[in-house]
Amino acid sequence: MTITITAFERSPDGGKGLARDTRVRWALEEVGQPYQVRLVSFRAMKEPAHLALHPFGQIPTYEEGNLALFETGSIVFHIAERHAGLLPDDANARARAITWMFAALNTVEPPILEFVNAKLFERDKPWHAERLPLVEERVRGRLNPLSVRLGDADWLDGGFSAGDLMMVSVLLRLRSSGILDEYRNLAAYVARGEARPAYKRAFDAQLAVNTGKPSTG
């Protein structure tokens, strides 16, 4: 059965890999599964056909036969469960990898999104200058223990897993802020994720949509 995912017709980040369809593309590339992409406009995202797939009118969605999923965590978990390459065979290691997926989305990403939104959408607010340092400290409050836990290891728990895929995807949002550079091991960790051939193929495919240039992957 053909896998079809949805992605922005024109991504707000211009194809820098921050749109969430990149996470799904990366997962599919890691497990070697072919897929098709249906591009949707912002207007189409709020129309009935897309809302039937994603009730909140966002991207990505995932369709395979009579299965339709939304939310990147759910989609990546489904891919990792169905295909070898993203979850360890050992039951305990597998559970830990899944735990890191949840940690990335539920613990690390929320303050990062709050920080990004504060920088992008609250600059004109009278309280912006006072609020931004507080938001930055919330981000560091997550990065500090994450950095300690990672230490000098390549990945969070043994070999690369879906947990690393999600964590790297989340941390990528900090790349332009300079905060990630305060943690040399986390910056190197993200760089290792970006260096993976599967990530490069996913990134190139998303970039091609936004630049009109064919993917080299």
N, C-alpha and C. Protein backbone atom coordinates (compact mmCIF):
# COMPACT_ATOMS: atom_id res chain seq x y z
N MET A 1 0.84 -1.20 0.00
CA MET A 1 0.00 0.00 0.00
C MET A 1 0.88 1.25 0.00
N THR A 2 0.51 2.21 -0.80
CA THR A 2 1.28 3.43 -0.91
C THR A 2 1.06 4.33 0.30
N ILE A 3 2.15 4.84 0.84
CA ILE A 3 2.09 5.80 1.94
C ILE A 3 2.03 7.20 1.35
N THR A 4 1.09 7.99 1.83
CA THR A 4 0.96 9.37 1.40
C THR A 4 0.98 10.27 2.63
N ILE A 5 1.83 11.28 2.60
CA ILE A 5 1.84 12.26 3.68
C ILE A 5 1.49 13.63 3.10
N THR A 6 1.07 14.52 3.95
CA THR A 6 0.81 15.88 3.50
C THR A 6 1.89 16.81 4.03
N ALA A 7 2.12 17.88 3.27
CA ALA A 7 3.12 18.87 3.63
C ALA A 7 2.66 20.23 3.12
N PHE A 8 3.28 21.28 3.64
CA PHE A 8 2.95 22.63 3.20
C PHE A 8 3.26 22.80 1.72
N GLU A 9 2.33 23.44 1.03
CA GLU A 9 2.60 23.84 -0.35
C GLU A 9 3.77 24.82 -0.39
N ARG A 10 3.80 25.71 0.59
CA ARG A 10 4.92 26.62 0.81
C ARG A 10 5.15 26.69 2.31
N SER A 11 6.27 26.18 2.76
CA SER A 11 6.55 26.11 4.18
C SER A 11 6.90 27.49 4.75
N PRO A 12 6.40 27.83 5.94
CA PRO A 12 6.72 29.12 6.56
C PRO A 12 8.22 29.34 6.75
N ASP A 13 8.98 28.26 6.89
CA ASP A 13 10.42 28.42 7.11
C ASP A 13 11.21 28.40 5.80
N GLY A 14 10.51 28.32 4.68
CA GLY A 14 11.19 28.34 3.39
C GLY A 14 11.96 27.07 3.06
N GLY A 15 11.67 26.00 3.79
CA GLY A 15 12.33 24.73 3.50
C GLY A 15 13.57 24.47 4.32
N LYS A 16 13.65 25.04 5.51
CA LYS A 16 14.83 24.85 6.37
C LYS A 16 14.74 23.61 7.25
N GLY A 17 13.72 22.80 7.04
CA GLY A 17 13.61 21.55 7.77
C GLY A 17 12.87 21.63 9.08
N LEU A 18 12.24 22.77 9.37
CA LEU A 18 11.56 22.94 10.65
C LEU A 18 10.08 22.55 10.59
N ALA A 19 9.51 22.51 9.40
CA ALA A 19 8.11 22.05 9.28
C ALA A 19 8.04 20.59 9.69
N ARG A 20 6.96 20.21 10.36
CA ARG A 20 6.90 18.90 10.98
C ARG A 20 6.84 17.74 9.99
N ASP A 21 6.52 18.00 8.74
CA ASP A 21 6.56 16.89 7.80
C ASP A 21 7.97 16.36 7.64
N THR A 22 8.99 17.19 7.95
CA THR A 22 10.38 16.72 7.85
C THR A 22 10.62 15.54 8.77
N ARG A 23 10.01 15.54 9.95
CA ARG A 23 10.18 14.44 10.90
C ARG A 23 9.65 13.14 10.31
N VAL A 24 8.51 13.23 9.66
CA VAL A 24 7.90 12.03 9.08
C VAL A 24 8.71 11.57 7.87
N ARG A 25 9.13 12.51 7.04
CA ARG A 25 9.97 12.15 5.90
C ARG A 25 11.24 11.43 6.39
N TRP A 26 11.85 11.99 7.43
CA TRP A 26 13.09 11.42 7.98
C TRP A 26 12.85 9.99 8.45
N ALA A 27 11.77 9.78 9.19
CA ALA A 27 11.47 8.44 9.69
C ALA A 27 11.29 7.46 8.53
N LEU A 28 10.57 7.86 7.51
CA LEU A 28 10.35 6.97 6.36
C LEU A 28 11.66 6.68 5.62
N GLU A 29 12.51 7.70 5.54
CA GLU A 29 13.81 7.48 4.90
C GLU A 29 14.67 6.54 5.72
N GLU A 30 14.62 6.65 7.04
CA GLU A 30 15.43 5.78 7.91
C GLU A 30 15.04 4.31 7.75
N VAL A 31 13.76 4.05 7.56
CA VAL A 31 13.31 2.65 7.46
C VAL A 31 13.18 2.19 6.02
N GLY A 32 13.54 3.06 5.08
CA GLY A 32 13.56 2.67 3.68
C GLY A 32 12.20 2.45 3.04
N GLN A 33 11.21 3.23 3.49
CA GLN A 33 9.86 3.09 2.93
C GLN A 33 9.57 4.22 1.93
N PRO A 34 9.17 3.87 0.70
CA PRO A 34 8.80 4.91 -0.27
C PRO A 34 7.50 5.59 0.15
N TYR A 35 7.33 6.82 -0.26
CA TYR A 35 6.13 7.57 0.11
C TYR A 35 5.85 8.64 -0.93
N GLN A 36 4.61 9.06 -0.96
CA GLN A 36 4.21 10.18 -1.80
C GLN A 36 3.84 11.36 -0.90
N VAL A 37 3.95 12.56 -1.47
CA VAL A 37 3.62 13.77 -0.72
C VAL A 37 2.52 14.52 -1.44
N ARG A 38 1.47 14.85 -0.71
CA ARG A 38 0.41 15.68 -1.25
C ARG A 38 0.56 17.06 -0.61
N LEU A 39 0.83 18.06 -1.42
CA LEU A 39 1.04 19.41 -0.91
C LEU A 39 -0.29 20.11 -0.72
N VAL A 40 -0.42 20.82 0.40
CA VAL A 40 -1.66 21.53 0.69
C VAL A 40 -1.37 22.98 1.02
N SER A 41 -2.26 23.84 0.61
CA SER A 41 -2.14 25.26 0.92
C SER A 41 -2.72 25.53 2.30
N PHE A 42 -2.46 26.72 2.83
CA PHE A 42 -3.02 27.07 4.12
C PHE A 42 -4.55 27.08 4.07
N ARG A 43 -5.08 27.49 2.94
CA ARG A 43 -6.53 27.49 2.79
C ARG A 43 -7.08 26.07 2.78
N ALA A 44 -6.43 25.18 2.03
CA ALA A 44 -6.90 23.80 1.93
C ALA A 44 -6.82 23.08 3.27
N MET A 45 -5.89 23.49 4.13
CA MET A 45 -5.75 22.85 5.43
C MET A 45 -6.99 23.04 6.30
N LYS A 46 -7.78 24.07 6.02
CA LYS A 46 -8.97 24.35 6.82
C LYS A 46 -10.26 23.90 6.15
N GLU A 47 -10.12 23.22 5.02
CA GLU A 47 -11.30 22.74 4.30
C GLU A 47 -11.67 21.33 4.74
N PRO A 48 -12.92 20.93 4.52
CA PRO A 48 -13.42 19.64 5.04
C PRO A 48 -12.57 18.43 4.70
N ALA A 49 -12.06 18.37 3.48
CA ALA A 49 -11.30 17.18 3.06
C ALA A 49 -10.07 16.98 3.94
N HIS A 50 -9.38 18.07 4.25
CA HIS A 50 -8.18 17.93 5.09
C HIS A 50 -8.56 17.79 6.56
N LEU A 51 -9.60 18.49 6.98
CA LEU A 51 -10.03 18.38 8.38
C LEU A 51 -10.50 16.96 8.72
N ALA A 52 -10.93 16.22 7.72
CA ALA A 52 -11.30 14.83 7.96
C ALA A 52 -10.09 13.99 8.32
N LEU A 53 -8.91 14.43 7.86
CA LEU A 53 -7.67 13.73 8.19
C LEU A 53 -7.02 14.29 9.44
N HIS A 54 -7.06 15.60 9.58
CA HIS A 54 -6.44 16.28 10.73
C HIS A 54 -7.46 17.27 11.29
N PRO A 55 -8.12 16.94 12.38
CA PRO A 55 -9.20 17.78 12.90
C PRO A 55 -8.78 19.19 13.30
N PHE A 56 -7.46 19.40 13.48
CA PHE A 56 -6.98 20.73 13.86
C PHE A 56 -6.44 21.51 12.67
N GLY A 57 -6.57 20.94 11.48
CA GLY A 57 -6.20 21.65 10.27
C GLY A 57 -4.72 21.95 10.15
N GLN A 58 -3.89 20.99 10.46
CA GLN A 58 -2.45 21.17 10.38
C GLN A 58 -1.83 20.08 9.50
N ILE A 59 -0.50 20.14 9.38
CA ILE A 59 0.24 19.09 8.69
C ILE A 59 1.31 18.58 9.64
N PRO A 60 1.79 17.36 9.44
CA PRO A 60 1.47 16.44 8.35
C PRO A 60 0.34 15.50 8.73
N THR A 61 -0.15 14.80 7.73
CA THR A 61 -1.01 13.64 7.95
C THR A 61 -0.35 12.46 7.26
N TYR A 62 -0.84 11.28 7.60
CA TYR A 62 -0.26 10.04 7.07
C TYR A 62 -1.41 9.14 6.65
N GLU A 63 -1.38 8.68 5.42
CA GLU A 63 -2.41 7.77 4.92
C GLU A 63 -1.75 6.52 4.34
N GLU A 64 -2.29 5.38 4.70
CA GLU A 64 -1.80 4.10 4.18
C GLU A 64 -2.99 3.14 4.16
N GLY A 65 -3.49 2.88 2.98
CA GLY A 65 -4.70 2.07 2.88
C GLY A 65 -5.86 2.78 3.55
N ASN A 66 -6.52 2.09 4.49
CA ASN A 66 -7.65 2.72 5.19
C ASN A 66 -7.23 3.34 6.53
N LEU A 67 -5.92 3.48 6.72
CA LEU A 67 -5.41 4.10 7.95
C LEU A 67 -5.04 5.55 7.70
N ALA A 68 -5.55 6.45 8.54
CA ALA A 68 -5.19 7.86 8.46
C ALA A 68 -4.75 8.31 9.86
N LEU A 69 -3.58 8.93 9.93
CA LEU A 69 -3.04 9.40 11.21
C LEU A 69 -2.68 10.88 11.12
N PHE A 70 -2.67 11.53 12.29
CA PHE A 70 -2.12 12.88 12.40
C PHE A 70 -1.30 12.93 13.68
N GLU A 71 -0.56 14.03 13.86
CA GLU A 71 0.40 14.21 14.96
C GLU A 71 1.70 13.46 14.66
N THR A 72 2.81 14.19 14.61
CA THR A 72 4.08 13.58 14.22
C THR A 72 4.52 12.48 15.18
N GLY A 73 4.28 12.66 16.46
CA GLY A 73 4.67 11.63 17.41
C GLY A 73 3.99 10.31 17.10
N SER A 74 2.71 10.37 16.86
CA SER A 74 1.94 9.17 16.54
C SER A 74 2.39 8.56 15.22
N ILE A 75 2.63 9.41 14.23
CA ILE A 75 3.02 8.92 12.91
C ILE A 75 4.40 8.25 12.97
N VAL A 76 5.36 8.93 13.60
CA VAL A 76 6.71 8.36 13.68
C VAL A 76 6.69 7.07 14.50
N PHE A 77 5.91 7.03 15.56
CA PHE A 77 5.80 5.81 16.36
C PHE A 77 5.23 4.67 15.52
N HIS A 78 4.21 4.97 14.74
CA HIS A 78 3.61 3.95 13.86
C HIS A 78 4.64 3.42 12.87
N ILE A 79 5.39 4.32 12.26
CA ILE A 79 6.41 3.91 11.30
C ILE A 79 7.46 3.03 11.98
N ALA A 80 7.89 3.47 13.17
CA ALA A 80 8.92 2.73 13.90
C ALA A 80 8.43 1.35 14.34
N GLU A 81 7.15 1.24 14.65
CA GLU A 81 6.57 -0.04 15.06
C GLU A 81 6.42 -1.00 13.87
N ARG A 82 6.11 -0.45 12.71
CA ARG A 82 5.84 -1.27 11.54
C ARG A 82 7.12 -1.72 10.82
N HIS A 83 8.18 -0.93 10.92
CA HIS A 83 9.36 -1.18 10.10
C HIS A 83 10.63 -1.14 10.96
N ALA A 84 11.54 -2.04 10.69
CA ALA A 84 12.79 -2.10 11.45
C ALA A 84 13.67 -0.89 11.16
N GLY A 85 14.41 -0.47 12.19
CA GLY A 85 15.39 0.59 11.99
C GLY A 85 15.31 1.74 12.95
N LEU A 86 14.18 1.91 13.64
CA LEU A 86 14.02 3.05 14.53
C LEU A 86 13.77 2.67 15.99
N LEU A 87 13.51 1.40 16.24
CA LEU A 87 13.31 0.94 17.62
C LEU A 87 14.13 -0.33 17.83
N PRO A 88 14.80 -0.43 18.99
CA PRO A 88 15.61 -1.63 19.26
C PRO A 88 14.73 -2.87 19.39
N ASP A 89 15.36 -4.04 19.20
CA ASP A 89 14.65 -5.30 19.37
C ASP A 89 14.42 -5.63 20.83
N ASP A 90 15.40 -5.30 21.68
CA ASP A 90 15.27 -5.57 23.11
C ASP A 90 14.10 -4.79 23.69
N ALA A 91 13.24 -5.46 24.44
CA ALA A 91 12.01 -4.84 24.93
C ALA A 91 12.28 -3.63 25.83
N ASN A 92 13.27 -3.73 26.71
CA ASN A 92 13.55 -2.62 27.62
C ASN A 92 14.15 -1.43 26.87
N ALA A 93 15.07 -1.72 25.97
CA ALA A 93 15.66 -0.64 25.17
C ALA A 93 14.60 0.02 24.30
N ARG A 94 13.70 -0.78 23.79
CA ARG A 94 12.59 -0.26 22.98
C ARG A 94 11.72 0.69 23.80
N ALA A 95 11.41 0.29 25.03
CA ALA A 95 10.61 1.14 25.90
C ALA A 95 11.32 2.45 26.22
N ARG A 96 12.64 2.38 26.41
CA ARG A 96 13.39 3.61 26.69
C ARG A 96 13.40 4.53 25.48
N ALA A 97 13.54 3.97 24.29
CA ALA A 97 13.52 4.79 23.07
C ALA A 97 12.18 5.51 22.92
N ILE A 98 11.10 4.79 23.21
CA ILE A 98 9.76 5.40 23.15
C ILE A 98 9.63 6.49 24.20
N THR A 99 10.21 6.26 25.38
CA THR A 99 10.18 7.28 26.42
C THR A 99 10.86 8.55 25.96
N TRP A 100 11.98 8.42 25.24
CA TRP A 100 12.66 9.61 24.74
C TRP A 100 11.83 10.34 23.67
N MET A 101 11.03 9.60 22.92
CA MET A 101 10.12 10.26 21.99
C MET A 101 9.15 11.16 22.75
N PHE A 102 8.57 10.62 23.82
CA PHE A 102 7.64 11.40 24.63
C PHE A 102 8.35 12.58 25.29
N ALA A 103 9.58 12.35 25.76
CA ALA A 103 10.33 13.43 26.41
C ALA A 103 10.59 14.57 25.44
N ALA A 104 10.92 14.23 24.21
CA ALA A 104 11.18 15.27 23.21
C ALA A 104 9.95 16.13 22.97
N LEU A 105 8.79 15.49 22.83
CA LEU A 105 7.57 16.20 22.47
C LEU A 105 6.89 16.86 23.67
N ASN A 106 6.94 16.22 24.82
CA ASN A 106 6.17 16.70 25.97
C ASN A 106 6.96 17.53 26.96
N THR A 107 8.28 17.31 27.03
CA THR A 107 9.09 18.00 28.02
C THR A 107 10.01 19.04 27.40
N VAL A 108 10.68 18.69 26.32
CA VAL A 108 11.68 19.59 25.74
C VAL A 108 11.07 20.57 24.74
N GLU A 109 10.14 20.12 23.92
CA GLU A 109 9.63 20.99 22.86
C GLU A 109 8.76 22.16 23.37
N PRO A 110 7.88 21.99 24.36
CA PRO A 110 7.01 23.11 24.75
C PRO A 110 7.74 24.41 25.09
N PRO A 111 8.79 24.40 25.94
CA PRO A 111 9.46 25.68 26.20
C PRO A 111 10.21 26.22 24.99
N ILE A 112 10.66 25.33 24.11
CA ILE A 112 11.33 25.80 22.89
C ILE A 112 10.33 26.50 21.99
N LEU A 113 9.15 25.95 21.83
CA LEU A 113 8.12 26.60 21.02
C LEU A 113 7.70 27.93 21.65
N GLU A 114 7.62 27.96 22.97
CA GLU A 114 7.27 29.20 23.65
C GLU A 114 8.33 30.27 23.36
N PHE A 115 9.59 29.87 23.39
CA PHE A 115 10.69 30.79 23.10
C PHE A 115 10.63 31.28 21.66
N VAL A 116 10.44 30.36 20.72
CA VAL A 116 10.38 30.73 19.30
C VAL A 116 9.21 31.68 19.04
N ASN A 117 8.06 31.37 19.62
CA ASN A 117 6.89 32.23 19.43
C ASN A 117 7.11 33.61 20.05
N ALA A 118 7.77 33.65 21.20
CA ALA A 118 8.05 34.94 21.84
C ALA A 118 8.93 35.80 20.96
N LYS A 119 9.93 35.18 20.33
CA LYS A 119 10.84 35.93 19.47
C LYS A 119 10.16 36.41 18.18
N LEU A 120 9.30 35.56 17.64
CA LEU A 120 8.71 35.87 16.34
C LEU A 120 7.46 36.75 16.42
N PHE A 121 6.62 36.50 17.42
CA PHE A 121 5.29 37.11 17.41
C PHE A 121 5.03 38.11 18.55
N GLU A 122 5.97 38.26 19.45
CA GLU A 122 5.71 39.13 20.59
C GLU A 122 6.69 40.30 20.67
N ARG A 123 7.42 40.55 19.60
CA ARG A 123 8.43 41.60 19.64
C ARG A 123 7.84 42.99 19.90
N ASP A 124 6.61 43.19 19.46
CA ASP A 124 6.00 44.52 19.60
C ASP A 124 5.26 44.70 20.92
N LYS A 125 5.29 43.70 21.77
CA LYS A 125 4.58 43.79 23.04
C LYS A 125 5.41 44.57 24.05
N PRO A 126 4.78 45.38 24.88
CA PRO A 126 5.53 46.19 25.84
C PRO A 126 6.30 45.37 26.86
N TRP A 127 5.87 44.14 27.08
CA TRP A 127 6.52 43.29 28.07
C TRP A 127 7.52 42.31 27.46
N HIS A 128 7.80 42.46 26.16
CA HIS A 128 8.65 41.50 25.47
C HIS A 128 10.05 41.42 26.09
N ALA A 129 10.66 42.57 26.35
CA ALA A 129 12.03 42.60 26.86
C ALA A 129 12.15 41.91 28.22
N GLU A 130 11.11 41.99 29.01
CA GLU A 130 11.14 41.35 30.32
C GLU A 130 10.82 39.86 30.23
N ARG A 131 9.94 39.51 29.33
CA ARG A 131 9.50 38.12 29.23
C ARG A 131 10.54 37.22 28.57
N LEU A 132 11.23 37.71 27.55
CA LEU A 132 12.12 36.85 26.77
C LEU A 132 13.19 36.16 27.62
N PRO A 133 13.87 36.85 28.53
CA PRO A 133 14.87 36.15 29.35
C PRO A 133 14.26 35.04 30.20
N LEU A 134 13.03 35.24 30.66
CA LEU A 134 12.36 34.19 31.45
C LEU A 134 12.11 32.95 30.60
N VAL A 135 11.68 33.18 29.37
CA VAL A 135 11.41 32.07 28.46
C VAL A 135 12.72 31.34 28.11
N GLU A 136 13.78 32.12 27.90
CA GLU A 136 15.08 31.51 27.61
C GLU A 136 15.53 30.61 28.75
N GLU A 137 15.32 31.04 29.97
CA GLU A 137 15.72 30.24 31.12
C GLU A 137 14.92 28.94 31.22
N ARG A 138 13.65 28.99 30.79
CA ARG A 138 12.87 27.75 30.77
C ARG A 138 13.47 26.75 29.77
N VAL A 139 13.95 27.27 28.64
CA VAL A 139 14.60 26.40 27.67
C VAL A 139 15.86 25.80 28.27
N ARG A 140 16.68 26.63 28.89
CA ARG A 140 17.91 26.12 29.50
C ARG A 140 17.60 25.13 30.62
N GLY A 141 16.47 25.32 31.27
CA GLY A 141 16.07 24.39 32.32
C GLY A 141 15.82 22.99 31.79
N ARG A 142 15.54 22.87 30.51
CA ARG A 142 15.40 21.55 29.88
C ARG A 142 16.72 21.08 29.27
N LEU A 143 17.47 22.02 28.70
CA LEU A 143 18.71 21.63 28.04
C LEU A 143 19.79 21.21 29.03
N ASN A 144 19.80 21.82 30.19
CA ASN A 144 20.83 21.47 31.19
C ASN A 144 20.80 19.98 31.53
N PRO A 145 19.67 19.44 31.99
CA PRO A 145 19.65 18.00 32.31
C PRO A 145 19.80 17.11 31.08
N LEU A 146 19.31 17.57 29.93
CA LEU A 146 19.46 16.79 28.71
C LEU A 146 20.94 16.66 28.36
N SER A 147 21.66 17.77 28.47
CA SER A 147 23.10 17.76 28.19
C SER A 147 23.83 16.83 29.14
N VAL A 148 23.48 16.88 30.42
CA VAL A 148 24.11 16.00 31.40
C VAL A 148 23.83 14.54 31.07
N ARG A 149 22.59 14.25 30.73
CA ARG A 149 22.21 12.86 30.43
C ARG A 149 22.94 12.34 29.19
N LEU A 150 23.04 13.17 28.15
CA LEU A 150 23.71 12.74 26.93
C LEU A 150 25.20 12.53 27.18
N GLY A 151 25.81 13.44 27.93
CA GLY A 151 27.23 13.34 28.19
C GLY A 151 28.04 13.33 26.92
N ASP A 152 28.96 12.37 26.80
CA ASP A 152 29.79 12.28 25.59
C ASP A 152 29.32 11.16 24.66
N ALA A 153 28.10 10.67 24.89
CA ALA A 153 27.56 9.61 24.03
C ALA A 153 27.12 10.18 22.69
N ASP A 154 27.05 9.32 21.69
CA ASP A 154 26.57 9.76 20.38
C ASP A 154 25.06 9.95 20.38
N TRP A 155 24.34 9.02 21.04
CA TRP A 155 22.89 9.05 21.05
C TRP A 155 22.38 8.88 22.47
N LEU A 156 21.11 9.06 22.67
CA LEU A 156 20.54 9.12 24.02
C LEU A 156 20.57 7.80 24.77
N ASP A 157 20.43 6.68 24.04
CA ASP A 157 20.38 5.38 24.72
C ASP A 157 20.86 4.30 23.76
N GLY A 158 22.16 4.14 23.68
CA GLY A 158 22.69 3.15 22.75
C GLY A 158 22.71 3.69 21.33
N GLY A 159 22.16 2.89 20.41
CA GLY A 159 22.15 3.29 19.01
C GLY A 159 21.07 4.31 18.69
N PHE A 160 21.17 4.89 17.51
CA PHE A 160 20.19 5.86 17.04
C PHE A 160 18.80 5.23 17.03
N SER A 161 17.80 6.00 17.49
CA SER A 161 16.43 5.49 17.55
C SER A 161 15.44 6.59 17.22
N ALA A 162 14.17 6.22 17.24
CA ALA A 162 13.11 7.21 17.04
C ALA A 162 13.16 8.29 18.11
N GLY A 163 13.65 7.94 19.29
CA GLY A 163 13.81 8.95 20.33
C GLY A 163 14.79 10.03 19.93
N ASP A 164 15.89 9.65 19.31
CA ASP A 164 16.86 10.63 18.83
C ASP A 164 16.30 11.43 17.66
N LEU A 165 15.59 10.76 16.78
CA LEU A 165 14.99 11.45 15.64
C LEU A 165 14.09 12.59 16.12
N MET A 166 13.25 12.31 17.11
CA MET A 166 12.35 13.34 17.60
C MET A 166 13.10 14.41 18.37
N MET A 167 14.09 14.02 19.18
CA MET A 167 14.82 15.00 19.98
C MET A 167 15.64 15.94 19.09
N VAL A 168 16.32 15.40 18.10
CA VAL A 168 17.08 16.24 17.18
C VAL A 168 16.13 17.20 16.45
N SER A 169 15.00 16.69 16.01
CA SER A 169 14.02 17.54 15.30
C SER A 169 13.56 18.69 16.17
N VAL A 170 13.37 18.44 17.45
CA VAL A 170 12.94 19.47 18.38
C VAL A 170 14.05 20.50 18.60
N LEU A 171 15.27 20.02 18.82
CA LEU A 171 16.39 20.91 19.11
C LEU A 171 16.79 21.78 17.92
N LEU A 172 16.48 21.30 16.72
CA LEU A 172 16.82 22.08 15.52
C LEU A 172 16.21 23.48 15.54
N ARG A 173 15.11 23.64 16.23
CA ARG A 173 14.46 24.95 16.29
C ARG A 173 15.31 25.99 17.01
N LEU A 174 16.29 25.54 17.77
CA LEU A 174 17.15 26.46 18.51
C LEU A 174 18.42 26.84 17.76
N ARG A 175 18.62 26.25 16.60
CA ARG A 175 19.90 26.41 15.91
C ARG A 175 20.26 27.88 15.66
N SER A 176 19.29 28.68 15.26
CA SER A 176 19.59 30.08 14.92
C SER A 176 19.61 31.01 16.12
N SER A 177 19.23 30.52 17.30
CA SER A 177 19.12 31.38 18.48
C SER A 177 20.43 31.56 19.22
N GLY A 178 21.35 30.62 19.04
CA GLY A 178 22.61 30.66 19.77
C GLY A 178 22.57 29.90 21.08
N ILE A 179 21.37 29.58 21.57
CA ILE A 179 21.27 28.87 22.84
C ILE A 179 21.87 27.48 22.75
N LEU A 180 21.65 26.81 21.65
CA LEU A 180 22.16 25.45 21.49
C LEU A 180 23.69 25.43 21.55
N ASP A 181 24.33 26.51 21.08
CA ASP A 181 25.78 26.57 21.07
C ASP A 181 26.37 26.63 22.48
N GLU A 182 25.54 26.93 23.47
CA GLU A 182 26.01 26.93 24.86
C GLU A 182 26.26 25.51 25.36
N TYR A 183 25.75 24.54 24.63
CA TYR A 183 25.87 23.12 25.02
C TYR A 183 26.58 22.38 23.89
N ARG A 184 27.88 22.26 24.01
CA ARG A 184 28.67 21.71 22.90
C ARG A 184 28.25 20.29 22.55
N ASN A 185 27.93 19.50 23.56
CA ASN A 185 27.56 18.11 23.24
C ASN A 185 26.20 18.03 22.56
N LEU A 186 25.27 18.94 22.92
CA LEU A 186 23.97 18.93 22.26
C LEU A 186 24.07 19.45 20.84
N ALA A 187 24.91 20.47 20.63
CA ALA A 187 25.12 20.98 19.27
C ALA A 187 25.72 19.89 18.38
N ALA A 188 26.67 19.13 18.94
CA ALA A 188 27.29 18.04 18.18
C ALA A 188 26.28 16.92 17.93
N TYR A 189 25.42 16.69 18.90
CA TYR A 189 24.36 15.68 18.78
C TYR A 189 23.43 16.02 17.62
N VAL A 190 23.01 17.26 17.56
CA VAL A 190 22.14 17.70 16.46
C VAL A 190 22.86 17.57 15.13
N ALA A 191 24.13 17.95 15.10
CA ALA A 191 24.91 17.85 13.87
C ALA A 191 25.01 16.40 13.39
N ARG A 192 25.15 15.46 14.35
CA ARG A 192 25.18 14.04 13.96
C ARG A 192 23.85 13.62 13.33
N GLY A 193 22.76 14.11 13.90
CA GLY A 193 21.46 13.79 13.31
C GLY A 193 21.34 14.33 11.90
N GLU A 194 21.76 15.58 11.71
CA GLU A 194 21.68 16.20 10.38
C GLU A 194 22.59 15.51 9.37
N ALA A 195 23.65 14.88 9.86
CA ALA A 195 24.60 14.22 8.95
C ALA A 195 24.13 12.86 8.47
N ARG A 196 23.07 12.34 9.08
CA ARG A 196 22.59 11.02 8.67
C ARG A 196 22.04 11.10 7.23
N PRO A 197 22.39 10.15 6.39
CA PRO A 197 21.91 10.18 5.00
C PRO A 197 20.39 10.28 4.89
N ALA A 198 19.68 9.60 5.78
CA ALA A 198 18.21 9.64 5.73
C ALA A 198 17.70 11.05 6.02
N TYR A 199 18.33 11.74 6.97
CA TYR A 199 17.91 13.12 7.25
C TYR A 199 18.20 14.01 6.05
N LYS A 200 19.36 13.84 5.45
CA LYS A 200 19.71 14.68 4.29
C LYS A 200 18.70 14.49 3.16
N ARG A 201 18.29 13.25 2.92
CA ARG A 201 17.30 13.02 1.88
C ARG A 201 15.97 13.69 2.22
N ALA A 202 15.56 13.59 3.48
CA ALA A 202 14.30 14.22 3.91
C ALA A 202 14.39 15.73 3.79
N PHE A 203 15.51 16.29 4.23
CA PHE A 203 15.69 17.74 4.16
C PHE A 203 15.68 18.22 2.72
N ASP A 204 16.43 17.54 1.86
CA ASP A 204 16.50 17.94 0.46
C ASP A 204 15.14 17.88 -0.22
N ALA A 205 14.35 16.86 0.13
CA ALA A 205 13.03 16.71 -0.48
C ALA A 205 12.12 17.86 -0.07
N GLN A 206 12.19 18.24 1.22
CA GLN A 206 11.35 19.35 1.66
C GLN A 206 11.84 20.67 1.09
N LEU A 207 13.15 20.85 1.03
CA LEU A 207 13.70 22.08 0.47
C LEU A 207 13.32 22.24 -1.00
N ALA A 208 13.32 21.13 -1.74
CA ALA A 208 12.98 21.17 -3.16
C ALA A 208 11.58 21.71 -3.40
N VAL A 209 10.67 21.40 -2.51
CA VAL A 209 9.29 21.89 -2.63
C VAL A 209 9.27 23.42 -2.58
N ASN A 210 10.12 23.97 -1.74
CA ASN A 210 10.08 25.41 -1.50
C ASN A 210 10.99 26.22 -2.42
N THR A 211 11.93 25.55 -3.08
CA THR A 211 12.81 26.27 -3.98
C THR A 211 12.52 25.98 -5.44
N GLY A 212 11.73 24.92 -5.67
CA GLY A 212 11.42 24.53 -7.05
C GLY A 212 12.54 23.76 -7.71
N LYS A 213 13.60 23.44 -6.93
CA LYS A 213 14.72 22.69 -7.48
C LYS A 213 14.55 21.21 -7.18
N PRO A 214 14.92 20.32 -8.08
CA PRO A 214 14.76 18.88 -7.83
C PRO A 214 15.63 18.43 -6.68
N SER A 215 15.13 17.45 -5.92
CA SER A 215 15.89 16.89 -4.81
C SER A 215 17.08 16.10 -5.34
N THR A 216 18.20 16.16 -4.59
CA THR A 216 19.39 15.40 -5.00
C THR A 216 19.46 14.07 -4.27
N GLY A 217 18.47 13.81 -3.37
CA GLY A 217 18.52 12.58 -2.58
C GLY A 217 18.06 11.38 -3.36
